[in-house]
Protein backbone atom coordinates (compact mmCIF):
# COMPACT_ATOMS: atom_id res chain seq x y z
CA MET A 1 20.98 -20.81 -34.82
CA PRO A 2 21.23 -20.29 -31.20
CA SER A 3 19.37 -17.37 -29.56
CA ALA A 4 21.59 -14.43 -28.02
CA ALA A 5 20.80 -16.12 -24.56
CA GLU A 6 21.99 -19.50 -25.80
CA ALA A 7 24.97 -18.16 -27.23
CA ALA A 8 25.91 -16.13 -24.21
CA SER A 9 25.76 -19.44 -21.92
CA TYR A 10 28.40 -21.13 -24.15
CA PRO A 11 32.08 -21.14 -22.33
CA VAL A 12 34.50 -18.74 -23.75
CA LEU A 13 37.00 -20.99 -25.69
CA GLU A 14 39.48 -18.33 -26.83
CA THR A 15 39.39 -14.38 -26.36
CA VAL A 16 40.50 -13.07 -29.65
CA LEU A 17 40.72 -9.23 -28.82
CA GLN A 18 40.52 -7.58 -25.31
CA LYS A 19 40.08 -3.85 -24.23
CA PRO A 20 41.87 -1.83 -23.97
CA LEU A 21 43.14 -1.79 -27.32
CA GLN A 22 46.61 -0.33 -26.48
CA VAL A 23 50.13 -1.26 -27.04
CA GLY A 24 51.20 -3.33 -24.13
CA THR A 25 47.66 -4.77 -23.05
CA SER A 26 48.25 -8.34 -22.45
CA PHE A 27 45.53 -11.34 -21.99
CA GLN A 28 45.59 -14.90 -22.13
CA GLY A 29 49.42 -14.73 -23.01
CA TRP A 30 48.85 -12.55 -26.11
CA THR A 31 50.28 -9.03 -26.13
CA ILE A 32 49.22 -6.09 -28.37
CA GLU A 33 52.49 -4.94 -30.18
CA SER A 34 50.87 -2.24 -32.39
CA THR A 35 47.53 -0.57 -33.14
CA THR A 36 49.08 1.30 -36.34
CA ALA A 37 50.71 -1.71 -38.26
CA THR A 38 50.61 -1.64 -41.96
CA VAL A 39 49.76 -5.09 -43.66
CA ASP A 40 49.90 -5.69 -47.37
CA THR A 41 48.10 -9.19 -48.21
CA GLY A 42 49.16 -9.19 -51.73
CA THR A 43 45.64 -7.98 -52.85
CA THR A 44 45.00 -4.94 -50.12
CA VAL A 45 47.23 -2.83 -48.01
CA TYR A 46 45.58 -2.48 -44.63
CA GLN A 47 46.50 0.58 -42.30
CA ASP A 48 46.02 0.85 -38.46
CA VAL A 49 46.06 -3.03 -38.09
CA ILE A 50 46.26 -4.39 -34.38
CA GLN A 51 49.20 -6.72 -34.05
CA LEU A 52 49.36 -9.44 -31.36
CA SER A 53 51.92 -11.91 -30.30
CA ARG A 54 52.55 -14.71 -28.06
CA SER A 55 55.54 -16.97 -27.49
CA GLU A 56 55.60 -20.41 -26.16
CA ASP A 57 58.82 -22.51 -26.03
CA GLN A 58 60.71 -21.96 -29.56
CA MET A 59 57.37 -20.69 -31.37
CA THR A 60 56.14 -17.32 -31.84
CA THR A 61 52.58 -16.48 -33.12
CA THR A 62 51.89 -13.02 -34.47
CA LYS A 63 48.31 -12.11 -35.59
CA TYR A 64 47.22 -9.22 -37.62
CA PHE A 65 43.44 -7.70 -37.24
CA ALA A 66 42.03 -5.11 -39.57
CA LYS A 67 39.01 -3.02 -38.52
CA ASP A 68 35.66 -4.15 -39.95
CA ILE A 69 37.47 -7.15 -41.46
CA GLY A 70 39.04 -9.29 -38.65
CA LEU A 71 41.93 -11.57 -38.77
CA ILE A 72 44.02 -10.94 -42.09
CA ARG A 73 47.31 -12.49 -41.22
CA LYS A 74 48.96 -15.22 -39.05
CA GLU A 75 52.56 -16.04 -38.75
CA ASP A 76 53.90 -18.78 -36.71
CA THR A 77 57.61 -18.61 -36.17
CA MET A 78 59.75 -21.57 -35.08
CA GLU A 79 63.45 -21.01 -33.99
CA THR A 80 65.68 -23.79 -35.12
CA GLU A 81 69.19 -24.70 -35.33
CA GLN A 82 69.37 -23.42 -38.88
CA ASP A 83 70.35 -19.58 -39.42
CA GLU A 84 66.93 -18.67 -40.57
CA PRO A 85 63.54 -19.66 -38.48
CA PHE A 86 61.08 -21.80 -39.88
CA VAL A 87 58.05 -19.53 -40.70
CA VAL A 88 54.23 -20.59 -41.76
CA THR A 89 51.98 -17.81 -42.86
CA SER A 90 48.27 -17.47 -43.60
CA THR A 91 47.06 -14.38 -45.27
CA LEU A 92 43.77 -13.35 -46.32
CA GLN A 93 43.26 -13.30 -49.94
CA LYS A 94 39.76 -12.42 -50.70
CA ILE A 95 36.56 -11.67 -49.16
CA GLU A 96 33.40 -13.03 -50.63
């Protein structure tokens, strides 16, 4: 494992969250849409979830973060020529 000093010297590849954690805060194309979302993962219902979104071309990505857990859900929604968009969802099932 790298030391704290070594880890701090590595370049930042992506900022996951950035303060202030308030609706409307934007960073690296992401915007905080909610800090009070409720997300049901099928095994747990999380309250006060931070919801981020970013849109590029026809794709919108939404991420949901729960306090003390991290990323619990990610949705990629692509607009298509069909009536319904194409949606790919990844959801946390369990923590081991």
